[in-house]
ModelCIF file with pLDDT and N, C-alpha, C, O atoms, coordinates in Angstrom:
data_MODEL
#
_entry.id   MODEL 
#
_entity.id                         1 
_entity.type                       polymer 
_entity.pdbx_number_of_molecules   1 
#
_entity_poly.entity_id                      1 
_entity_poly.type                           'polypeptide(L)' 
_entity_poly.nstd_linkage                   no 
_entity_poly.nstd_monomer                   no 
_entity_poly.pdbx_seq_one_letter_code       NVDFCPGGTWRKISYQELVRATDGFSENNLLGKGSYGSVYKGRLDEGM 
_entity_poly.pdbx_seq_one_letter_code_can   NVDFCPGGTWRKISYQELVRATDGFSENNLLGKGSYGSVYKGRLDEGM 
_entity_poly.pdbx_strand_id                 A 
#
loop_
_entity_poly_seq.entity_id 
_entity_poly_seq.num 
_entity_poly_seq.mon_id 
_entity_poly_seq.hetero 
1 1  ASN n 
1 2  VAL n 
1 3  ASP n 
1 4  PHE n 
1 5  CYS n 
1 6  PRO n 
1 7  GLY n 
1 8  GLY n 
1 9  THR n 
1 10 TRP n 
1 11 ARG n 
1 12 LYS n 
1 13 ILE n 
1 14 SER n 
1 15 TYR n 
1 16 GLN n 
1 17 GLU n 
1 18 LEU n 
1 19 VAL n 
1 20 ARG n 
1 21 ALA n 
1 22 THR n 
1 23 ASP n 
1 24 GLY n 
1 25 PHE n 
1 26 SER n 
1 27 GLU n 
1 28 ASN n 
1 29 ASN n 
1 30 LEU n 
1 31 LEU n 
1 32 GLY n 
1 33 LYS n 
1 34 GLY n 
1 35 SER n 
1 36 TYR n 
1 37 GLY n 
1 38 SER n 
1 39 VAL n 
1 40 TYR n 
1 41 LYS n 
1 42 GLY n 
1 43 ARG n 
1 44 LEU n 
1 45 ASP n 
1 46 GLU n 
1 47 GLY n 
1 48 MET n 
#
_struct_asym.id          A 
_struct_asym.entity_id   1 
#
loop_
_ma_qa_metric.id 
_ma_qa_metric.mode 
_ma_qa_metric.name 
_ma_qa_metric.software_group_id 
_ma_qa_metric.type 
1 global pLDDT . pLDDT 
2 local  pLDDT . pLDDT 
#
_ma_qa_metric_global.metric_id      1 
_ma_qa_metric_global.metric_value   77.10 
_ma_qa_metric_global.model_id       1 
_ma_qa_metric_global.ordinal_id     1 
#
loop_
_ma_qa_metric_local.label_asym_id 
_ma_qa_metric_local.label_comp_id 
_ma_qa_metric_local.label_seq_id 
_ma_qa_metric_local.metric_id 
_ma_qa_metric_local.metric_value 
_ma_qa_metric_local.model_id 
_ma_qa_metric_local.ordinal_id 
A ASN 1  2 37.00 1 1  
A VAL 2  2 40.00 1 2  
A ASP 3  2 42.00 1 3  
A PHE 4  2 41.00 1 4  
A CYS 5  2 51.00 1 5  
A PRO 6  2 45.00 1 6  
A GLY 7  2 42.00 1 7  
A GLY 8  2 44.00 1 8  
A THR 9  2 45.00 1 9  
A TRP 10 2 59.00 1 10 
A ARG 11 2 69.00 1 11 
A LYS 12 2 79.00 1 12 
A ILE 13 2 83.00 1 13 
A SER 14 2 85.00 1 14 
A TYR 15 2 87.00 1 15 
A GLN 16 2 88.00 1 16 
A GLU 17 2 89.00 1 17 
A LEU 18 2 89.00 1 18 
A VAL 19 2 89.00 1 19 
A ARG 20 2 89.00 1 20 
A ALA 21 2 89.00 1 21 
A THR 22 2 90.00 1 22 
A ASP 23 2 89.00 1 23 
A GLY 24 2 89.00 1 24 
A PHE 25 2 89.00 1 25 
A SER 26 2 89.00 1 26 
A GLU 27 2 89.00 1 27 
A ASN 28 2 90.00 1 28 
A ASN 29 2 88.00 1 29 
A LEU 30 2 89.00 1 30 
A LEU 31 2 87.00 1 31 
A GLY 32 2 83.00 1 32 
A LYS 33 2 81.00 1 33 
A GLY 34 2 75.00 1 34 
A SER 35 2 72.00 1 35 
A TYR 36 2 79.00 1 36 
A GLY 37 2 83.00 1 37 
A SER 38 2 88.00 1 38 
A VAL 39 2 88.00 1 39 
A TYR 40 2 92.00 1 40 
A LYS 41 2 90.00 1 41 
A GLY 42 2 90.00 1 42 
A ARG 43 2 89.00 1 43 
A LEU 44 2 87.00 1 44 
A ASP 45 2 82.00 1 45 
A GLU 46 2 81.00 1 46 
A GLY 47 2 83.00 1 47 
A MET 48 2 87.00 1 48 
#
loop_
_atom_site.group_PDB 
_atom_site.id 
_atom_site.type_symbol 
_atom_site.label_atom_id 
_atom_site.label_alt_id 
_atom_site.label_comp_id 
_atom_site.label_asym_id 
_atom_site.label_entity_id 
_atom_site.label_seq_id 
_atom_site.pdbx_PDB_ins_code 
_atom_site.Cartn_x 
_atom_site.Cartn_y 
_atom_site.Cartn_z 
_atom_site.occupancy 
_atom_site.B_iso_or_equiv 
_atom_site.pdbx_formal_charge 
_atom_site.auth_seq_id 
_atom_site.auth_comp_id 
_atom_site.auth_asym_id 
_atom_site.auth_atom_id 
_atom_site.pdbx_PDB_model_num 
ATOM 1   N N  . ASN A 1 1  ? -46.001 3.494   0.507   1.00 37.00 ? 1  ASN A N  1 
ATOM 2   C CA . ASN A 1 1  ? -45.396 4.616   1.330   1.00 37.00 ? 1  ASN A CA 1 
ATOM 3   C C  . ASN A 1 1  ? -44.101 4.535   0.450   1.00 37.00 ? 1  ASN A C  1 
ATOM 4   O O  . ASN A 1 1  ? -43.372 5.505   0.661   1.00 37.00 ? 1  ASN A O  1 
ATOM 5   N N  . VAL A 1 2  ? -43.678 3.779   -0.346  1.00 40.00 ? 2  VAL A N  1 
ATOM 6   C CA . VAL A 1 2  ? -42.492 3.589   -1.053  1.00 40.00 ? 2  VAL A CA 1 
ATOM 7   C C  . VAL A 1 2  ? -42.178 4.797   -2.146  1.00 40.00 ? 2  VAL A C  1 
ATOM 8   O O  . VAL A 1 2  ? -43.207 4.798   -2.821  1.00 40.00 ? 2  VAL A O  1 
ATOM 9   N N  . ASP A 1 3  ? -41.397 5.721   -2.628  1.00 42.00 ? 3  ASP A N  1 
ATOM 10  C CA . ASP A 1 3  ? -41.223 6.217   -3.233  1.00 42.00 ? 3  ASP A CA 1 
ATOM 11  C C  . ASP A 1 3  ? -39.731 6.395   -3.838  1.00 42.00 ? 3  ASP A C  1 
ATOM 12  O O  . ASP A 1 3  ? -38.928 7.162   -3.308  1.00 42.00 ? 3  ASP A O  1 
ATOM 13  N N  . PHE A 1 4  ? -39.454 5.714   -4.861  1.00 41.00 ? 4  PHE A N  1 
ATOM 14  C CA . PHE A 1 4  ? -38.354 5.226   -5.214  1.00 41.00 ? 4  PHE A CA 1 
ATOM 15  C C  . PHE A 1 4  ? -37.724 6.605   -6.068  1.00 41.00 ? 4  PHE A C  1 
ATOM 16  O O  . PHE A 1 4  ? -38.513 7.253   -6.757  1.00 41.00 ? 4  PHE A O  1 
ATOM 17  N N  . CYS A 1 5  ? -36.481 6.959   -6.000  1.00 51.00 ? 5  CYS A N  1 
ATOM 18  C CA . CYS A 1 5  ? -35.867 7.749   -6.531  1.00 51.00 ? 5  CYS A CA 1 
ATOM 19  C C  . CYS A 1 5  ? -35.850 7.797   -7.960  1.00 51.00 ? 5  CYS A C  1 
ATOM 20  O O  . CYS A 1 5  ? -35.057 6.952   -8.374  1.00 51.00 ? 5  CYS A O  1 
ATOM 21  N N  . PRO A 1 6  ? -36.297 8.319   -8.715  1.00 45.00 ? 6  PRO A N  1 
ATOM 22  C CA . PRO A 1 6  ? -36.843 8.457   -10.244 1.00 45.00 ? 6  PRO A CA 1 
ATOM 23  C C  . PRO A 1 6  ? -35.511 7.965   -11.027 1.00 45.00 ? 6  PRO A C  1 
ATOM 24  O O  . PRO A 1 6  ? -34.489 8.592   -10.748 1.00 45.00 ? 6  PRO A O  1 
ATOM 25  N N  . GLY A 1 7  ? -35.408 6.967   -11.929 1.00 42.00 ? 7  GLY A N  1 
ATOM 26  C CA . GLY A 1 7  ? -34.237 6.670   -12.718 1.00 42.00 ? 7  GLY A CA 1 
ATOM 27  C C  . GLY A 1 7  ? -33.341 5.940   -12.102 1.00 42.00 ? 7  GLY A C  1 
ATOM 28  O O  . GLY A 1 7  ? -32.509 5.445   -12.862 1.00 42.00 ? 7  GLY A O  1 
ATOM 29  N N  . GLY A 1 8  ? -33.206 5.668   -10.839 1.00 44.00 ? 8  GLY A N  1 
ATOM 30  C CA . GLY A 1 8  ? -32.152 5.390   -10.154 1.00 44.00 ? 8  GLY A CA 1 
ATOM 31  C C  . GLY A 1 8  ? -31.752 3.965   -9.639  1.00 44.00 ? 8  GLY A C  1 
ATOM 32  O O  . GLY A 1 8  ? -30.656 3.640   -9.180  1.00 44.00 ? 8  GLY A O  1 
ATOM 33  N N  . THR A 1 9  ? -33.048 3.049   -9.836  1.00 45.00 ? 9  THR A N  1 
ATOM 34  C CA . THR A 1 9  ? -33.268 2.049   -9.044  1.00 45.00 ? 9  THR A CA 1 
ATOM 35  C C  . THR A 1 9  ? -33.285 0.566   -10.367 1.00 45.00 ? 9  THR A C  1 
ATOM 36  O O  . THR A 1 9  ? -33.729 0.579   -11.516 1.00 45.00 ? 9  THR A O  1 
ATOM 37  N N  . TRP A 1 10 ? -32.711 -0.402  -9.702  1.00 59.00 ? 10 TRP A N  1 
ATOM 38  C CA . TRP A 1 10 ? -33.158 -1.498  -10.527 1.00 59.00 ? 10 TRP A CA 1 
ATOM 39  C C  . TRP A 1 10 ? -33.628 -2.683  -9.763  1.00 59.00 ? 10 TRP A C  1 
ATOM 40  O O  . TRP A 1 10 ? -33.779 -3.793  -10.271 1.00 59.00 ? 10 TRP A O  1 
ATOM 41  N N  . ARG A 1 11 ? -33.831 -2.420  -8.628  1.00 69.00 ? 11 ARG A N  1 
ATOM 42  C CA . ARG A 1 11 ? -34.613 -3.288  -7.598  1.00 69.00 ? 11 ARG A CA 1 
ATOM 43  C C  . ARG A 1 11 ? -35.221 -2.887  -6.585  1.00 69.00 ? 11 ARG A C  1 
ATOM 44  O O  . ARG A 1 11 ? -34.563 -2.048  -5.969  1.00 69.00 ? 11 ARG A O  1 
ATOM 45  N N  . LYS A 1 12 ? -36.567 -3.211  -5.972  1.00 79.00 ? 12 LYS A N  1 
ATOM 46  C CA . LYS A 1 12 ? -37.111 -2.685  -4.991  1.00 79.00 ? 12 LYS A CA 1 
ATOM 47  C C  . LYS A 1 12 ? -36.319 -3.227  -3.465  1.00 79.00 ? 12 LYS A C  1 
ATOM 48  O O  . LYS A 1 12 ? -36.018 -4.414  -3.331  1.00 79.00 ? 12 LYS A O  1 
ATOM 49  N N  . ILE A 1 13 ? -36.079 -2.345  -2.527  1.00 83.00 ? 13 ILE A N  1 
ATOM 50  C CA . ILE A 1 13 ? -35.724 -2.927  -1.486  1.00 83.00 ? 13 ILE A CA 1 
ATOM 51  C C  . ILE A 1 13 ? -36.465 -2.492  -0.089  1.00 83.00 ? 13 ILE A C  1 
ATOM 52  O O  . ILE A 1 13 ? -36.802 -1.339  0.179   1.00 83.00 ? 13 ILE A O  1 
ATOM 53  N N  . SER A 1 14 ? -36.597 -3.295  0.496   1.00 85.00 ? 14 SER A N  1 
ATOM 54  C CA . SER A 1 14 ? -37.694 -2.810  1.749   1.00 85.00 ? 14 SER A CA 1 
ATOM 55  C C  . SER A 1 14 ? -36.909 -2.471  2.800   1.00 85.00 ? 14 SER A C  1 
ATOM 56  O O  . SER A 1 14 ? -35.713 -2.705  2.972   1.00 85.00 ? 14 SER A O  1 
ATOM 57  N N  . TYR A 1 15 ? -37.790 -1.822  3.580   1.00 87.00 ? 15 TYR A N  1 
ATOM 58  C CA . TYR A 1 15 ? -37.218 -1.074  5.009   1.00 87.00 ? 15 TYR A CA 1 
ATOM 59  C C  . TYR A 1 15 ? -36.475 -2.457  5.766   1.00 87.00 ? 15 TYR A C  1 
ATOM 60  O O  . TYR A 1 15 ? -35.284 -2.514  6.073   1.00 87.00 ? 15 TYR A O  1 
ATOM 61  N N  . GLN A 1 16 ? -37.333 -3.371  5.944   1.00 88.00 ? 16 GLN A N  1 
ATOM 62  C CA . GLN A 1 16 ? -36.851 -4.541  6.767   1.00 88.00 ? 16 GLN A CA 1 
ATOM 63  C C  . GLN A 1 16 ? -35.530 -5.218  6.068   1.00 88.00 ? 16 GLN A C  1 
ATOM 64  O O  . GLN A 1 16 ? -34.721 -5.964  6.620   1.00 88.00 ? 16 GLN A O  1 
ATOM 65  N N  . GLU A 1 17 ? -35.525 -4.791  4.790   1.00 89.00 ? 17 GLU A N  1 
ATOM 66  C CA . GLU A 1 17 ? -33.994 -5.703  4.344   1.00 89.00 ? 17 GLU A CA 1 
ATOM 67  C C  . GLU A 1 17 ? -33.016 -4.773  4.527   1.00 89.00 ? 17 GLU A C  1 
ATOM 68  O O  . GLU A 1 17 ? -31.892 -5.270  4.598   1.00 89.00 ? 17 GLU A O  1 
ATOM 69  N N  . LEU A 1 18 ? -33.063 -3.733  4.615   1.00 89.00 ? 18 LEU A N  1 
ATOM 70  C CA . LEU A 1 18 ? -32.049 -2.392  4.949   1.00 89.00 ? 18 LEU A CA 1 
ATOM 71  C C  . LEU A 1 18 ? -31.936 -2.662  6.444   1.00 89.00 ? 18 LEU A C  1 
ATOM 72  O O  . LEU A 1 18 ? -30.757 -2.983  6.590   1.00 89.00 ? 18 LEU A O  1 
ATOM 73  N N  . VAL A 1 19 ? -32.466 -2.698  7.495   1.00 89.00 ? 19 VAL A N  1 
ATOM 74  C CA . VAL A 1 19 ? -32.600 -3.076  9.003   1.00 89.00 ? 19 VAL A CA 1 
ATOM 75  C C  . VAL A 1 19 ? -31.282 -4.422  8.623   1.00 89.00 ? 19 VAL A C  1 
ATOM 76  O O  . VAL A 1 19 ? -30.093 -4.355  8.935   1.00 89.00 ? 19 VAL A O  1 
ATOM 77  N N  . ARG A 1 20 ? -31.817 -5.302  8.049   1.00 89.00 ? 20 ARG A N  1 
ATOM 78  C CA . ARG A 1 20 ? -31.015 -6.708  8.222   1.00 89.00 ? 20 ARG A CA 1 
ATOM 79  C C  . ARG A 1 20 ? -29.796 -6.513  7.645   1.00 89.00 ? 20 ARG A C  1 
ATOM 80  O O  . ARG A 1 20 ? -28.897 -7.147  8.196   1.00 89.00 ? 20 ARG A O  1 
ATOM 81  N N  . ALA A 1 21 ? -29.428 -5.753  6.588   1.00 89.00 ? 21 ALA A N  1 
ATOM 82  C CA . ALA A 1 21 ? -28.315 -5.384  5.909   1.00 89.00 ? 21 ALA A CA 1 
ATOM 83  C C  . ALA A 1 21 ? -27.338 -4.716  6.613   1.00 89.00 ? 21 ALA A C  1 
ATOM 84  O O  . ALA A 1 21 ? -26.153 -5.034  6.518   1.00 89.00 ? 21 ALA A O  1 
ATOM 85  N N  . THR A 1 22 ? -27.803 -3.658  7.437   1.00 90.00 ? 22 THR A N  1 
ATOM 86  C CA . THR A 1 22 ? -27.131 -2.899  8.215   1.00 90.00 ? 22 THR A CA 1 
ATOM 87  C C  . THR A 1 22 ? -26.805 -3.240  9.879   1.00 90.00 ? 22 THR A C  1 
ATOM 88  O O  . THR A 1 22 ? -26.274 -2.505  10.711  1.00 90.00 ? 22 THR A O  1 
ATOM 89  N N  . ASP A 1 23 ? -27.360 -4.716  10.040  1.00 89.00 ? 23 ASP A N  1 
ATOM 90  C CA . ASP A 1 23 ? -27.404 -4.739  11.523  1.00 89.00 ? 23 ASP A CA 1 
ATOM 91  C C  . ASP A 1 23 ? -28.407 -4.060  12.463  1.00 89.00 ? 23 ASP A C  1 
ATOM 92  O O  . ASP A 1 23 ? -28.381 -4.230  13.682  1.00 89.00 ? 23 ASP A O  1 
ATOM 93  N N  . GLY A 1 24 ? -29.249 -3.320  11.859  1.00 89.00 ? 24 GLY A N  1 
ATOM 94  C CA . GLY A 1 24 ? -30.251 -2.455  12.479  1.00 89.00 ? 24 GLY A CA 1 
ATOM 95  C C  . GLY A 1 24 ? -29.602 -1.309  12.478  1.00 89.00 ? 24 GLY A C  1 
ATOM 96  O O  . GLY A 1 24 ? -29.819 -0.655  13.498  1.00 89.00 ? 24 GLY A O  1 
ATOM 97  N N  . PHE A 1 25 ? -28.753 -0.726  11.576  1.00 89.00 ? 25 PHE A N  1 
ATOM 98  C CA . PHE A 1 25 ? -27.958 0.639   11.406  1.00 89.00 ? 25 PHE A CA 1 
ATOM 99  C C  . PHE A 1 25 ? -27.210 0.590   12.529  1.00 89.00 ? 25 PHE A C  1 
ATOM 100 O O  . PHE A 1 25 ? -27.386 1.458   13.384  1.00 89.00 ? 25 PHE A O  1 
ATOM 101 N N  . SER A 1 26 ? -26.270 -0.409  12.717  1.00 89.00 ? 26 SER A N  1 
ATOM 102 C CA . SER A 1 26 ? -25.599 -0.585  13.987  1.00 89.00 ? 26 SER A CA 1 
ATOM 103 C C  . SER A 1 26 ? -23.916 0.244   13.781  1.00 89.00 ? 26 SER A C  1 
ATOM 104 O O  . SER A 1 26 ? -23.188 0.198   12.789  1.00 89.00 ? 26 SER A O  1 
ATOM 105 N N  . GLU A 1 27 ? -23.717 0.853   14.898  1.00 89.00 ? 27 GLU A N  1 
ATOM 106 C CA . GLU A 1 27 ? -22.505 1.884   15.019  1.00 89.00 ? 27 GLU A CA 1 
ATOM 107 C C  . GLU A 1 27 ? -21.307 1.082   14.298  1.00 89.00 ? 27 GLU A C  1 
ATOM 108 O O  . GLU A 1 27 ? -20.545 1.619   13.494  1.00 89.00 ? 27 GLU A O  1 
ATOM 109 N N  . ASN A 1 28 ? -21.239 -0.195  14.663  1.00 90.00 ? 28 ASN A N  1 
ATOM 110 C CA . ASN A 1 28 ? -20.166 -1.223  13.996  1.00 90.00 ? 28 ASN A CA 1 
ATOM 111 C C  . ASN A 1 28 ? -20.090 -0.737  12.388  1.00 90.00 ? 28 ASN A C  1 
ATOM 112 O O  . ASN A 1 28 ? -19.026 -0.406  11.865  1.00 90.00 ? 28 ASN A O  1 
ATOM 113 N N  . ASN A 1 29 ? -21.296 -0.742  11.731  1.00 88.00 ? 29 ASN A N  1 
ATOM 114 C CA . ASN A 1 29 ? -21.154 -0.889  10.568  1.00 88.00 ? 29 ASN A CA 1 
ATOM 115 C C  . ASN A 1 29 ? -21.203 0.654   9.930   1.00 88.00 ? 29 ASN A C  1 
ATOM 116 O O  . ASN A 1 29 ? -21.273 0.709   8.702   1.00 88.00 ? 29 ASN A O  1 
ATOM 117 N N  . LEU A 1 30 ? -21.171 1.914   10.674  1.00 89.00 ? 30 LEU A N  1 
ATOM 118 C CA . LEU A 1 30 ? -21.089 3.166   10.314  1.00 89.00 ? 30 LEU A CA 1 
ATOM 119 C C  . LEU A 1 30 ? -19.860 3.462   9.487   1.00 89.00 ? 30 LEU A C  1 
ATOM 120 O O  . LEU A 1 30 ? -18.756 3.284   10.001  1.00 89.00 ? 30 LEU A O  1 
ATOM 121 N N  . LEU A 1 31 ? -19.958 3.868   8.336   1.00 87.00 ? 31 LEU A N  1 
ATOM 122 C CA . LEU A 1 31 ? -18.716 4.394   7.200   1.00 87.00 ? 31 LEU A CA 1 
ATOM 123 C C  . LEU A 1 31 ? -18.302 5.721   7.595   1.00 87.00 ? 31 LEU A C  1 
ATOM 124 O O  . LEU A 1 31 ? -17.116 6.038   7.686   1.00 87.00 ? 31 LEU A O  1 
ATOM 125 N N  . GLY A 1 32 ? -19.459 6.653   7.878   1.00 83.00 ? 32 GLY A N  1 
ATOM 126 C CA . GLY A 1 32 ? -19.199 7.919   8.035   1.00 83.00 ? 32 GLY A CA 1 
ATOM 127 C C  . GLY A 1 32 ? -20.447 8.663   8.332   1.00 83.00 ? 32 GLY A C  1 
ATOM 128 O O  . GLY A 1 32 ? -21.519 8.066   8.424   1.00 83.00 ? 32 GLY A O  1 
ATOM 129 N N  . LYS A 1 33 ? -20.348 9.909   8.482   1.00 81.00 ? 33 LYS A N  1 
ATOM 130 C CA . LYS A 1 33 ? -21.392 10.705  9.110   1.00 81.00 ? 33 LYS A CA 1 
ATOM 131 C C  . LYS A 1 33 ? -21.303 12.088  8.575   1.00 81.00 ? 33 LYS A C  1 
ATOM 132 O O  . LYS A 1 33 ? -20.191 12.587  8.746   1.00 81.00 ? 33 LYS A O  1 
ATOM 133 N N  . GLY A 1 34 ? -22.324 12.972  7.868   1.00 75.00 ? 34 GLY A N  1 
ATOM 134 C CA . GLY A 1 34 ? -22.245 13.969  7.489   1.00 75.00 ? 34 GLY A CA 1 
ATOM 135 C C  . GLY A 1 34 ? -23.078 15.116  7.852   1.00 75.00 ? 34 GLY A C  1 
ATOM 136 O O  . GLY A 1 34 ? -23.740 14.844  8.853   1.00 75.00 ? 34 GLY A O  1 
ATOM 137 N N  . SER A 1 35 ? -23.277 16.221  7.439   1.00 72.00 ? 35 SER A N  1 
ATOM 138 C CA . SER A 1 35 ? -24.393 17.232  7.780   1.00 72.00 ? 35 SER A CA 1 
ATOM 139 C C  . SER A 1 35 ? -25.776 16.573  7.924   1.00 72.00 ? 35 SER A C  1 
ATOM 140 O O  . SER A 1 35 ? -26.420 16.403  8.959   1.00 72.00 ? 35 SER A O  1 
ATOM 141 N N  . TYR A 1 36 ? -26.066 16.267  6.765   1.00 79.00 ? 36 TYR A N  1 
ATOM 142 C CA . TYR A 1 36 ? -27.400 15.700  6.256   1.00 79.00 ? 36 TYR A CA 1 
ATOM 143 C C  . TYR A 1 36 ? -27.731 13.941  6.656   1.00 79.00 ? 36 TYR A C  1 
ATOM 144 O O  . TYR A 1 36 ? -28.854 13.440  6.716   1.00 79.00 ? 36 TYR A O  1 
ATOM 145 N N  . GLY A 1 37 ? -26.762 13.418  6.832   1.00 83.00 ? 37 GLY A N  1 
ATOM 146 C CA . GLY A 1 37 ? -26.944 11.793  6.845   1.00 83.00 ? 37 GLY A CA 1 
ATOM 147 C C  . GLY A 1 37 ? -25.730 11.251  7.187   1.00 83.00 ? 37 GLY A C  1 
ATOM 148 O O  . GLY A 1 37 ? -24.639 11.813  7.095   1.00 83.00 ? 37 GLY A O  1 
ATOM 149 N N  . SER A 1 38 ? -25.978 10.012  7.631   1.00 88.00 ? 38 SER A N  1 
ATOM 150 C CA . SER A 1 38 ? -25.257 8.938   8.110   1.00 88.00 ? 38 SER A CA 1 
ATOM 151 C C  . SER A 1 38 ? -24.999 7.751   7.081   1.00 88.00 ? 38 SER A C  1 
ATOM 152 O O  . SER A 1 38 ? -25.949 7.646   6.306   1.00 88.00 ? 38 SER A O  1 
ATOM 153 N N  . VAL A 1 39 ? -23.890 6.743   6.834   1.00 88.00 ? 39 VAL A N  1 
ATOM 154 C CA . VAL A 1 39 ? -23.484 6.169   5.690   1.00 88.00 ? 39 VAL A CA 1 
ATOM 155 C C  . VAL A 1 39 ? -23.195 4.906   6.321   1.00 88.00 ? 39 VAL A C  1 
ATOM 156 O O  . VAL A 1 39 ? -22.323 4.958   7.187   1.00 88.00 ? 39 VAL A O  1 
ATOM 157 N N  . TYR A 1 40 ? -23.798 3.613   6.060   1.00 92.00 ? 40 TYR A N  1 
ATOM 158 C CA . TYR A 1 40 ? -23.657 2.452   6.704   1.00 92.00 ? 40 TYR A CA 1 
ATOM 159 C C  . TYR A 1 40 ? -23.340 1.122   5.878   1.00 92.00 ? 40 TYR A C  1 
ATOM 160 O O  . TYR A 1 40 ? -24.059 0.652   4.997   1.00 92.00 ? 40 TYR A O  1 
ATOM 161 N N  . LYS A 1 41 ? -22.242 0.656   6.289   1.00 90.00 ? 41 LYS A N  1 
ATOM 162 C CA . LYS A 1 41 ? -22.113 -0.684  5.349   1.00 90.00 ? 41 LYS A CA 1 
ATOM 163 C C  . LYS A 1 41 ? -23.154 -1.548  5.574   1.00 90.00 ? 41 LYS A C  1 
ATOM 164 O O  . LYS A 1 41 ? -23.759 -1.731  6.630   1.00 90.00 ? 41 LYS A O  1 
ATOM 165 N N  . GLY A 1 42 ? -23.381 -2.258  4.109   1.00 90.00 ? 42 GLY A N  1 
ATOM 166 C CA . GLY A 1 42 ? -24.547 -3.134  4.490   1.00 90.00 ? 42 GLY A CA 1 
ATOM 167 C C  . GLY A 1 42 ? -24.238 -4.480  3.368   1.00 90.00 ? 42 GLY A C  1 
ATOM 168 O O  . GLY A 1 42 ? -23.372 -4.439  2.494   1.00 90.00 ? 42 GLY A O  1 
ATOM 169 N N  . ARG A 1 43 ? -25.078 -5.545  3.602   1.00 89.00 ? 43 ARG A N  1 
ATOM 170 C CA . ARG A 1 43 ? -25.109 -6.828  2.896   1.00 89.00 ? 43 ARG A CA 1 
ATOM 171 C C  . ARG A 1 43 ? -26.295 -7.429  2.615   1.00 89.00 ? 43 ARG A C  1 
ATOM 172 O O  . ARG A 1 43 ? -26.835 -8.342  3.239   1.00 89.00 ? 43 ARG A O  1 
ATOM 173 N N  . LEU A 1 44 ? -26.706 -6.804  1.539   1.00 87.00 ? 44 LEU A N  1 
ATOM 174 C CA . LEU A 1 44 ? -28.332 -7.334  0.995   1.00 87.00 ? 44 LEU A CA 1 
ATOM 175 C C  . LEU A 1 44 ? -28.434 -8.717  0.973   1.00 87.00 ? 44 LEU A C  1 
ATOM 176 O O  . LEU A 1 44 ? -27.426 -9.417  1.070   1.00 87.00 ? 44 LEU A O  1 
ATOM 177 N N  . ASP A 1 45 ? -29.650 -9.228  0.843   1.00 82.00 ? 45 ASP A N  1 
ATOM 178 C CA . ASP A 1 45 ? -30.168 -10.640 1.182   1.00 82.00 ? 45 ASP A CA 1 
ATOM 179 C C  . ASP A 1 45 ? -29.410 -11.619 0.157   1.00 82.00 ? 45 ASP A C  1 
ATOM 180 O O  . ASP A 1 45 ? -29.274 -12.791 0.507   1.00 82.00 ? 45 ASP A O  1 
ATOM 181 N N  . GLU A 1 46 ? -28.896 -11.195 -1.123  1.00 81.00 ? 46 GLU A N  1 
ATOM 182 C CA . GLU A 1 46 ? -28.503 -11.794 -1.902  1.00 81.00 ? 46 GLU A CA 1 
ATOM 183 C C  . GLU A 1 46 ? -26.667 -11.788 -2.006  1.00 81.00 ? 46 GLU A C  1 
ATOM 184 O O  . GLU A 1 46 ? -26.004 -12.095 -2.997  1.00 81.00 ? 46 GLU A O  1 
ATOM 185 N N  . GLY A 1 47 ? -26.254 -11.428 -0.923  1.00 83.00 ? 47 GLY A N  1 
ATOM 186 C CA . GLY A 1 47 ? -25.012 -11.312 -0.413  1.00 83.00 ? 47 GLY A CA 1 
ATOM 187 C C  . GLY A 1 47 ? -24.377 -9.852  -1.052  1.00 83.00 ? 47 GLY A C  1 
ATOM 188 O O  . GLY A 1 47 ? -23.295 -9.515  -0.569  1.00 83.00 ? 47 GLY A O  1 
ATOM 189 N N  . MET A 1 48 ? -24.812 -9.195  -1.826  1.00 87.00 ? 48 MET A N  1 
ATOM 190 C CA . MET A 1 48 ? -24.077 -7.928  -2.330  1.00 87.00 ? 48 MET A CA 1 
ATOM 191 C C  . MET A 1 48 ? -23.667 -7.141  -1.276  1.00 87.00 ? 48 MET A C  1 
ATOM 192 O O  . MET A 1 48 ? -23.064 -6.089  -1.489  1.00 87.00 ? 48 MET A O  1 
#
């Protein structure tokens, strides 16, 4: 069920890794919110 954005990916990232990276999409990591989405700060498994 993963449909990566064509042409813009260099590695696959799972939903579980996104949850870990953003601490469950915590409000503490919220960078901003717009009409169509919210942006969270995250840290991937390799530290990026």
